[in-house]
Amino acid sequence: MRILGRLILASLVLVLAACSDDSNGKLDGKVPDQKVGDAPPPPTELICGSSDCRDFVFSKLTLPDTNNPIGHDYDNDGSPDNALGSILGGLSTMAGGSLNIQEAVDGGVNSGSTLVLLRMQADDFASDDSSKAQAWVGAKTACCSDPDDKPGCAAEAKTKCFAGGATFFPDKDSPSDALFNGRIANKKMFYGPSKLKFVLPFTGAGDLELNLLAVYLEGEVAADGKSISKGVLAGAISQDDLNNTLIPTIADMLNTTLTDPTTDPQVAGIITTLFDGNTDGTITKEEVKDSSIVKTFLGGDVDVDNDGEKELSLGVAFEAVSAVIDDKGTPPDGGPKPDQAPPDAGPDGPAPDGPAPDGPVPDAPGVD
């Protein structure tokens, strides 16, 4: 019982940490925080010239923890808002590694099933007060031959998909209206707010598909313009998504963990104690809603659209490398192979086979 109490306490501390952490989690030179209603509307389209756009693919997504607060300061209190990240971190801590959501996210990125594509437009990628951007969910891509071999998959993906210059397609169901206004100052980018469809893989429960509101993107653009570091993707989840998508997915994840024969019996006991109110061996979405770890934030924590109803904040860190986004072609089933050029990579014909060894594929649209 002493161990159980410590684990429950640790999980609750982690859940509350993001709302009380003093660190600001911000990059220098970012524009003042603003709510959606106070900000200018996003652009209606992004049209690239011959050299004013660069394409990127997110090569790493990192969930927050108590030592690494991530998010956007929606309420201007000096701290990044990230209620959902805290819930996910609390669940992972509570289960002692059996619910390793970060591992699932890493696997999704490295296998090529969880991809975020970003196109930036600027006259100068070191400094531009009127930069624009567009983001997509990437089509599933064969980034490694054996996703179950996690170390091998990560190594292969780094060469095959994330070395720079590989070609990717937006997913056929990805919205095309994730457009952003923003700026770049001293090679630090800041875009938003806009909206974005976002997918997080969940341990034992498939993917969590969210339609984020009030999305902000920030990060540091490398001097050579071929990578982004210290990136933050922040957004908010509506009450509808919270009730109809997030809560059922958490219930599925917990049930999968309970029925997994490899789950530590003590961990299973903790999950049962915290979530299975009637101890029938099955966790319902209603029981997840009533749990102490989740219930604190069910009412949301930020009102990003000034409508009087609070949304649930989320923030993840990211890194990105140069890519070629073919948003005109149709991806083959399962996504393109990064070592093959799309059928029509640009106005001058197909791009050369294979990713460029040192940067984007020449003459491809959206790449400088």
Protein backbone atom coordinates (compact mmCIF):
# COMPACT_ATOMS: atom_id res chain seq x y z
CA MET A 1 0.00 0.00 0.00
CA ARG A 2 2.94 2.33 0.67
CA ILE A 3 4.18 1.85 -2.91
CA LEU A 4 0.66 2.35 -4.23
CA GLY A 5 0.32 5.60 -2.30
CA ARG A 6 3.63 6.92 -3.62
CA LEU A 7 2.70 6.14 -7.21
CA ILE A 8 -0.70 7.78 -6.88
CA LEU A 9 0.88 10.84 -5.28
CA ALA A 10 3.57 11.03 -7.98
CA SER A 11 0.98 10.89 -10.74
CA LEU A 12 -1.17 13.60 -9.17
CA VAL A 13 1.87 15.85 -8.62
CA LEU A 14 2.78 15.47 -12.30
CA VAL A 15 -0.77 16.27 -13.36
CA LEU A 16 -0.74 19.50 -11.40
CA ALA A 17 2.82 20.51 -12.30
CA ALA A 18 2.16 22.11 -15.67
CA CYS A 19 -0.40 24.46 -14.17
CA SER A 20 1.92 25.63 -11.40
CA ASP A 21 5.38 25.55 -12.97
CA ASP A 22 7.13 28.92 -12.92
CA SER A 23 9.35 28.40 -15.98
CA ASN A 24 8.09 30.19 -19.03
CA GLY A 25 8.95 27.63 -21.71
CA LYS A 26 9.23 30.39 -24.30
CA LEU A 27 11.74 31.33 -26.95
CA ASP A 28 13.34 34.75 -27.00
CA GLY A 29 11.95 37.12 -29.58
CA LYS A 30 8.49 35.62 -29.76
CA VAL A 31 5.53 37.91 -30.31
CA PRO A 32 3.24 38.71 -27.36
CA ASP A 33 0.71 36.05 -26.44
CA GLN A 34 -2.72 36.62 -27.84
CA LYS A 35 -6.05 34.82 -27.97
CA VAL A 36 -7.64 33.76 -31.23
CA GLY A 37 -10.20 36.51 -31.10
CA ASP A 38 -7.47 39.14 -30.76
CA ALA A 39 -5.27 37.84 -33.58
CA PRO A 40 -5.51 38.49 -37.32
CA PRO A 41 -7.03 35.63 -39.33
CA PRO A 42 -4.66 33.11 -40.92
CA PRO A 43 -3.88 33.43 -44.64
CA THR A 44 -6.26 31.83 -47.13
CA GLU A 45 -3.49 30.20 -49.16
CA LEU A 46 0.26 29.84 -49.40
CA ILE A 47 1.76 30.32 -52.85
CA CYS A 48 5.46 29.58 -53.25
CA GLY A 49 7.81 31.28 -55.64
CA SER A 50 11.08 29.86 -56.86
CA SER A 51 13.02 30.26 -53.63
CA ASP A 52 10.82 31.62 -50.85
CA CYS A 53 9.54 28.33 -49.38
CA ARG A 54 11.18 25.54 -47.43
CA ASP A 55 9.69 22.18 -46.50
CA PHE A 56 10.22 20.20 -43.31
CA VAL A 57 9.14 16.93 -41.71
CA PHE A 58 8.98 16.50 -37.94
CA SER A 59 11.68 13.97 -37.07
CA LYS A 60 10.92 13.85 -33.34
CA LEU A 61 7.93 14.57 -31.08
CA THR A 62 8.43 14.79 -27.32
CA LEU A 63 5.72 14.82 -24.66
CA PRO A 64 6.28 17.08 -21.65
CA ASP A 65 7.33 16.10 -18.14
CA THR A 66 7.86 17.98 -14.90
CA ASN A 67 11.42 18.88 -15.88
CA ASN A 68 10.46 20.04 -19.35
CA PRO A 69 7.29 22.17 -19.41
CA ILE A 70 6.07 22.62 -22.96
CA GLY A 71 3.19 24.70 -24.27
CA HIS A 72 1.86 28.12 -25.12
CA ASP A 73 0.95 30.69 -22.48
CA TYR A 74 -2.68 31.14 -23.52
CA ASP A 75 -3.78 32.88 -20.32
CA ASN A 76 -0.72 35.15 -20.03
CA ASP A 77 0.19 34.01 -16.53
CA GLY A 78 3.87 33.42 -17.34
CA SER A 79 3.63 29.61 -17.56
CA PRO A 80 3.03 27.33 -20.57
CA ASP A 81 -0.41 25.70 -20.59
CA ASN A 82 -0.47 21.94 -21.15
CA ALA A 83 -3.24 20.14 -19.23
CA LEU A 84 -3.45 17.18 -21.62
CA GLY A 85 0.31 16.70 -21.57
CA SER A 86 0.12 16.55 -17.80
CA ILE A 87 -2.63 13.94 -17.91
CA LEU A 88 -0.60 11.80 -20.30
CA GLY A 89 2.51 12.22 -18.19
CA GLY A 90 0.57 11.31 -15.07
CA LEU A 91 -0.78 8.15 -16.69
CA SER A 92 2.72 7.09 -17.76
CA THR A 93 4.19 7.73 -14.32
CA MET A 94 1.32 5.98 -12.57
CA ALA A 95 1.81 2.80 -14.57
CA GLY A 96 5.55 2.59 -14.01
CA GLY A 97 6.40 2.26 -17.69
CA SER A 98 3.58 -0.08 -18.72
CA LEU A 99 1.86 2.90 -20.36
CA ASN A 100 4.90 4.36 -22.09
CA ILE A 101 3.14 6.84 -24.33
CA GLN A 102 6.42 8.53 -25.32
CA GLU A 103 7.70 5.19 -26.59
CA ALA A 104 4.55 4.83 -28.69
CA VAL A 105 5.03 8.34 -30.09
CA ASP A 106 8.68 7.60 -30.93
CA GLY A 107 7.63 4.40 -32.66
CA GLY A 108 4.97 6.20 -34.68
CA VAL A 109 7.43 8.82 -35.93
CA ASN A 110 10.26 6.38 -36.68
CA SER A 111 8.00 3.91 -38.47
CA GLY A 112 6.56 6.71 -40.62
CA SER A 113 2.99 6.31 -39.40
CA THR A 114 2.97 9.58 -37.42
CA LEU A 115 4.26 12.42 -39.57
CA VAL A 116 3.76 16.17 -39.46
CA LEU A 117 4.75 18.17 -42.53
CA LEU A 118 5.50 21.90 -42.46
CA ARG A 119 6.09 24.40 -45.23
CA MET A 120 7.47 27.84 -44.35
CA GLN A 121 7.41 30.86 -46.64
CA ALA A 122 9.68 33.85 -46.06
CA ASP A 123 11.77 36.36 -47.95
CA ASP A 124 14.56 35.79 -45.43
CA PHE A 125 14.65 32.70 -43.17
CA ALA A 126 16.75 34.55 -40.61
CA SER A 127 14.39 37.51 -40.26
CA ASP A 128 10.97 38.21 -41.75
CA ASP A 129 8.09 40.00 -40.02
CA SER A 130 5.49 38.65 -42.46
CA SER A 131 6.34 34.97 -42.82
CA LYS A 132 3.66 32.35 -43.48
CA ALA A 133 3.41 28.59 -43.03
CA GLN A 134 1.23 25.57 -43.77
CA ALA A 135 1.08 22.19 -42.04
CA TRP A 136 -0.31 18.77 -42.91
CA VAL A 137 -0.63 15.29 -41.49
CA GLY A 138 1.79 13.23 -43.56
CA ALA A 139 0.73 10.11 -45.44
CA LYS A 140 2.03 6.91 -43.88
CA THR A 141 5.55 6.29 -45.13
CA ALA A 142 7.77 3.21 -45.01
CA CYS A 143 10.57 4.73 -42.91
CA CYS A 144 11.82 1.38 -41.63
CA SER A 145 11.42 -2.28 -42.57
CA ASP A 146 10.57 -3.62 -39.08
CA PRO A 147 8.69 -1.20 -36.77
CA ASP A 148 8.77 -3.79 -33.96
CA ASP A 149 12.56 -3.54 -33.86
CA LYS A 150 12.58 -0.16 -32.12
CA PRO A 151 16.36 0.53 -32.09
CA GLY A 152 16.75 -0.75 -35.64
CA CYS A 153 13.72 1.18 -36.83
CA ALA A 154 15.01 4.42 -35.30
CA ALA A 155 18.42 4.00 -36.94
CA GLU A 156 16.92 3.14 -40.34
CA ALA A 157 14.42 6.03 -40.19
CA LYS A 158 17.18 8.49 -39.44
CA THR A 159 18.86 7.54 -42.70
CA LYS A 160 15.82 6.84 -44.84
CA CYS A 161 13.38 9.56 -43.82
CA PHE A 162 15.14 12.08 -41.61
CA ALA A 163 18.53 12.68 -43.22
CA GLY A 164 17.13 15.66 -45.14
CA GLY A 165 15.53 15.96 -48.56
CA ALA A 166 13.23 12.91 -48.54
CA THR A 167 9.89 13.28 -50.31
CA PHE A 168 6.59 13.09 -48.43
CA PHE A 169 2.92 13.44 -49.33
CA PRO A 170 0.14 14.93 -47.21
CA ASP A 171 -2.35 12.32 -46.07
CA LYS A 172 -5.40 12.20 -48.33
CA ASP A 173 -7.61 13.08 -45.32
CA SER A 174 -5.38 15.89 -44.06
CA PRO A 175 -7.13 19.28 -44.13
CA SER A 176 -5.52 21.82 -46.42
CA ASP A 177 -6.47 24.87 -44.35
CA ALA A 178 -3.84 24.63 -41.57
CA LEU A 179 -2.36 27.99 -42.59
CA PHE A 180 -0.40 30.33 -40.34
CA ASN A 181 0.74 33.92 -40.20
CA GLY A 182 3.91 34.58 -38.27
CA ARG A 183 7.38 35.94 -38.21
CA ILE A 184 11.03 34.95 -37.98
CA ALA A 185 13.39 36.97 -35.79
CA ASN A 186 17.05 36.07 -35.31
CA LYS A 187 16.34 32.66 -36.86
CA LYS A 188 13.54 32.02 -34.34
CA MET A 189 10.14 31.35 -35.84
CA PHE A 190 6.72 31.97 -34.37
CA TYR A 191 3.45 31.13 -36.16
CA GLY A 192 -0.17 31.21 -35.12
CA PRO A 193 -2.87 30.95 -34.19
CA SER A 194 -4.51 28.58 -36.63
CA LYS A 195 -5.95 25.04 -36.52
CA LEU A 196 -4.36 21.68 -37.16
CA LYS A 197 -5.33 18.03 -37.30
CA PHE A 198 -2.87 16.19 -35.07
CA VAL A 199 -2.32 12.48 -34.44
CA LEU A 200 -0.69 10.91 -31.38
CA PRO A 201 -0.12 7.15 -31.22
CA PHE A 202 -1.34 5.61 -27.97
CA THR A 203 0.02 2.45 -26.36
CA GLY A 204 -2.38 -0.41 -27.07
CA ALA A 205 -5.16 1.88 -28.28
CA GLY A 206 -4.24 2.93 -31.80
CA ASP A 207 -3.95 6.60 -32.69
CA LEU A 208 -5.47 9.58 -30.92
CA GLU A 209 -6.70 11.94 -33.64
CA LEU A 210 -7.29 15.49 -32.46
CA ASN A 211 -8.50 18.63 -34.18
CA LEU A 212 -6.46 21.28 -32.43
CA LEU A 213 -7.66 24.87 -32.07
CA ALA A 214 -5.53 27.99 -31.53
CA VAL A 215 -2.39 26.23 -32.73
CA TYR A 216 0.99 27.92 -32.32
CA LEU A 217 4.31 26.75 -33.76
CA GLU A 218 7.67 28.04 -32.67
CA GLY A 219 11.29 26.95 -32.94
CA GLU A 220 14.81 27.83 -33.99
CA VAL A 221 15.73 27.59 -37.67
CA ALA A 222 19.29 26.37 -38.30
CA ALA A 223 21.74 28.71 -39.96
CA ASP A 224 21.71 26.57 -43.11
CA GLY A 225 17.89 26.51 -43.08
CA LYS A 226 17.78 22.72 -43.20
CA SER A 227 16.47 21.91 -39.72
CA ILE A 228 14.38 23.23 -36.84
CA SER A 229 15.32 22.69 -33.19
CA LYS A 230 13.67 23.55 -29.87
CA GLY A 231 10.31 23.40 -31.60
CA VAL A 232 7.00 23.68 -29.75
CA LEU A 233 3.61 22.73 -31.17
CA ALA A 234 0.81 23.97 -28.93
CA GLY A 235 -2.95 23.80 -29.34
CA ALA A 236 -6.22 23.25 -27.55
CA ILE A 237 -8.84 20.49 -27.67
CA SER A 238 -12.55 21.23 -27.72
CA GLN A 239 -14.93 19.74 -25.19
CA ASP A 240 -16.42 17.65 -28.01
CA ASP A 241 -13.02 16.12 -28.85
CA LEU A 242 -12.32 15.65 -25.16
CA ASN A 243 -15.50 13.68 -24.52
CA ASN A 244 -15.80 11.77 -27.79
CA THR A 245 -12.16 11.11 -28.70
CA LEU A 246 -9.72 11.55 -25.82
CA ILE A 247 -11.67 9.89 -22.98
CA PRO A 248 -12.64 6.75 -24.98
CA THR A 249 -9.04 6.40 -26.21
CA ILE A 250 -7.68 6.57 -22.65
CA ALA A 251 -10.23 3.92 -21.61
CA ASP A 252 -9.13 1.65 -24.48
CA MET A 253 -5.48 2.13 -23.55
CA LEU A 254 -6.09 1.23 -19.90
CA ASN A 255 -8.17 -1.84 -20.80
CA THR A 256 -5.47 -3.04 -23.18
CA THR A 257 -2.90 -2.68 -20.41
CA LEU A 258 -5.09 -4.59 -17.94
CA THR A 259 -5.56 -7.52 -20.31
CA ASP A 260 -1.91 -7.64 -21.39
CA PRO A 261 -0.34 -10.71 -19.71
CA THR A 262 3.02 -8.92 -19.50
CA THR A 263 1.62 -6.08 -17.35
CA ASP A 264 3.06 -6.06 -13.83
CA PRO A 265 0.29 -7.22 -11.43
CA GLN A 266 1.02 -4.29 -9.14
CA VAL A 267 0.56 -1.86 -12.03
CA ALA A 268 -2.70 -3.59 -12.96
CA GLY A 269 -3.81 -3.17 -9.36
CA ILE A 270 -3.04 0.55 -9.42
CA ILE A 271 -5.02 1.00 -12.66
CA THR A 272 -7.94 -0.94 -11.22
CA THR A 273 -7.88 1.10 -8.00
CA LEU A 274 -7.80 4.44 -9.78
CA PHE A 275 -10.11 3.76 -12.73
CA ASP A 276 -12.24 0.63 -12.31
CA GLY A 277 -14.86 2.01 -9.96
CA ASN A 278 -17.09 -1.09 -9.90
CA THR A 279 -14.11 -3.52 -10.06
CA ASP A 280 -15.66 -5.52 -12.89
CA GLY A 281 -12.38 -5.74 -14.80
CA THR A 282 -13.41 -3.30 -17.53
CA ILE A 283 -12.79 0.45 -17.49
CA THR A 284 -15.50 2.53 -19.13
CA LYS A 285 -15.20 6.06 -20.43
CA GLU A 286 -17.47 7.16 -17.58
CA GLU A 287 -15.02 5.70 -15.07
CA VAL A 288 -12.14 7.55 -16.77
CA LYS A 289 -14.12 10.79 -16.50
CA ASP A 290 -14.61 10.20 -12.77
CA SER A 291 -10.94 9.42 -12.05
CA SER A 292 -8.92 11.86 -9.94
CA ILE A 293 -6.14 12.06 -12.56
CA VAL A 294 -8.44 13.14 -15.38
CA LYS A 295 -11.36 14.80 -13.59
CA THR A 296 -9.33 17.84 -12.54
CA PHE A 297 -9.07 18.98 -16.16
CA LEU A 298 -12.36 17.80 -17.64
CA GLY A 299 -13.68 21.33 -17.61
CA GLY A 300 -10.71 22.52 -19.66
CA ASP A 301 -8.07 25.01 -18.57
CA VAL A 302 -8.02 27.75 -21.24
CA ASP A 303 -10.61 29.60 -23.30
CA VAL A 304 -8.77 30.06 -26.58
CA ASP A 305 -11.65 31.35 -28.69
CA ASN A 306 -13.32 33.66 -26.16
CA ASP A 307 -16.63 31.78 -26.34
CA GLY A 308 -16.97 31.27 -22.59
CA GLU A 309 -16.25 27.52 -22.79
CA LYS A 310 -12.83 26.26 -21.78
CA GLU A 311 -10.73 23.97 -23.95
CA LEU A 312 -7.99 21.53 -22.90
CA SER A 313 -4.46 22.70 -23.70
CA LEU A 314 -1.74 20.53 -25.23
CA GLY A 315 1.92 21.13 -26.04
CA VAL A 316 4.60 18.89 -27.53
CA ALA A 317 8.21 19.57 -28.43
CA PHE A 318 9.49 18.76 -31.90
CA GLU A 319 12.53 18.67 -34.12
CA ALA A 320 12.31 18.87 -37.90
CA VAL A 321 14.55 18.31 -40.91
CA SER A 322 14.37 19.46 -44.50
CA ALA A 323 12.04 17.56 -46.81
CA VAL A 324 10.16 17.80 -50.08
CA ILE A 325 6.38 17.99 -49.69
CA ASP A 326 4.49 16.91 -52.79
CA ASP A 327 1.07 18.37 -52.05
CA LYS A 328 -0.10 18.01 -55.66
CA GLY A 329 0.51 14.30 -56.24
CA THR A 330 -1.45 11.35 -54.89
CA PRO A 331 0.39 9.14 -52.40
CA PRO A 332 0.42 5.43 -53.16
CA ASP A 333 -1.15 3.01 -50.68
CA GLY A 334 0.81 3.06 -47.46
CA GLY A 335 2.55 6.29 -48.39
CA PRO A 336 5.54 7.02 -50.59
CA LYS A 337 8.90 5.41 -50.17
CA PRO A 338 11.26 8.21 -49.17
CA ASP A 339 14.03 6.88 -51.39
CA GLN A 340 11.85 7.30 -54.48
CA ALA A 341 10.82 10.59 -56.05
CA PRO A 342 7.12 11.34 -56.63
CA PRO A 343 5.81 11.00 -60.20
CA ASP A 344 5.88 14.75 -60.80
CA ALA A 345 8.10 16.52 -58.32
CA GLY A 346 8.13 19.89 -60.00
CA PRO A 347 7.53 22.01 -63.08
CA ASP A 348 10.68 20.71 -64.71
CA GLY A 349 9.76 17.04 -64.37
CA PRO A 350 10.46 14.33 -61.84
CA ALA A 351 13.01 14.90 -59.13
CA PRO A 352 16.13 12.73 -59.11
CA ASP A 353 15.76 9.36 -57.39
CA GLY A 354 16.48 9.33 -53.68
CA PRO A 355 16.81 12.05 -51.08
CA ALA A 356 19.52 14.57 -51.64
CA PRO A 357 22.58 13.68 -49.52
CA ASP A 358 22.92 17.20 -48.16
CA GLY A 359 19.64 19.09 -48.19
CA PRO A 360 16.39 19.25 -50.17
CA VAL A 361 15.91 17.86 -53.64
CA PRO A 362 16.76 20.56 -56.21
CA ASP A 363 13.93 22.20 -58.15
CA ALA A 364 11.21 20.63 -56.00
CA PRO A 365 8.26 22.83 -55.08
CA GLY A 366 8.33 24.44 -51.69
CA VAL A 367 12.06 24.03 -51.12
CA ASP A 368 14.80 26.58 -51.32
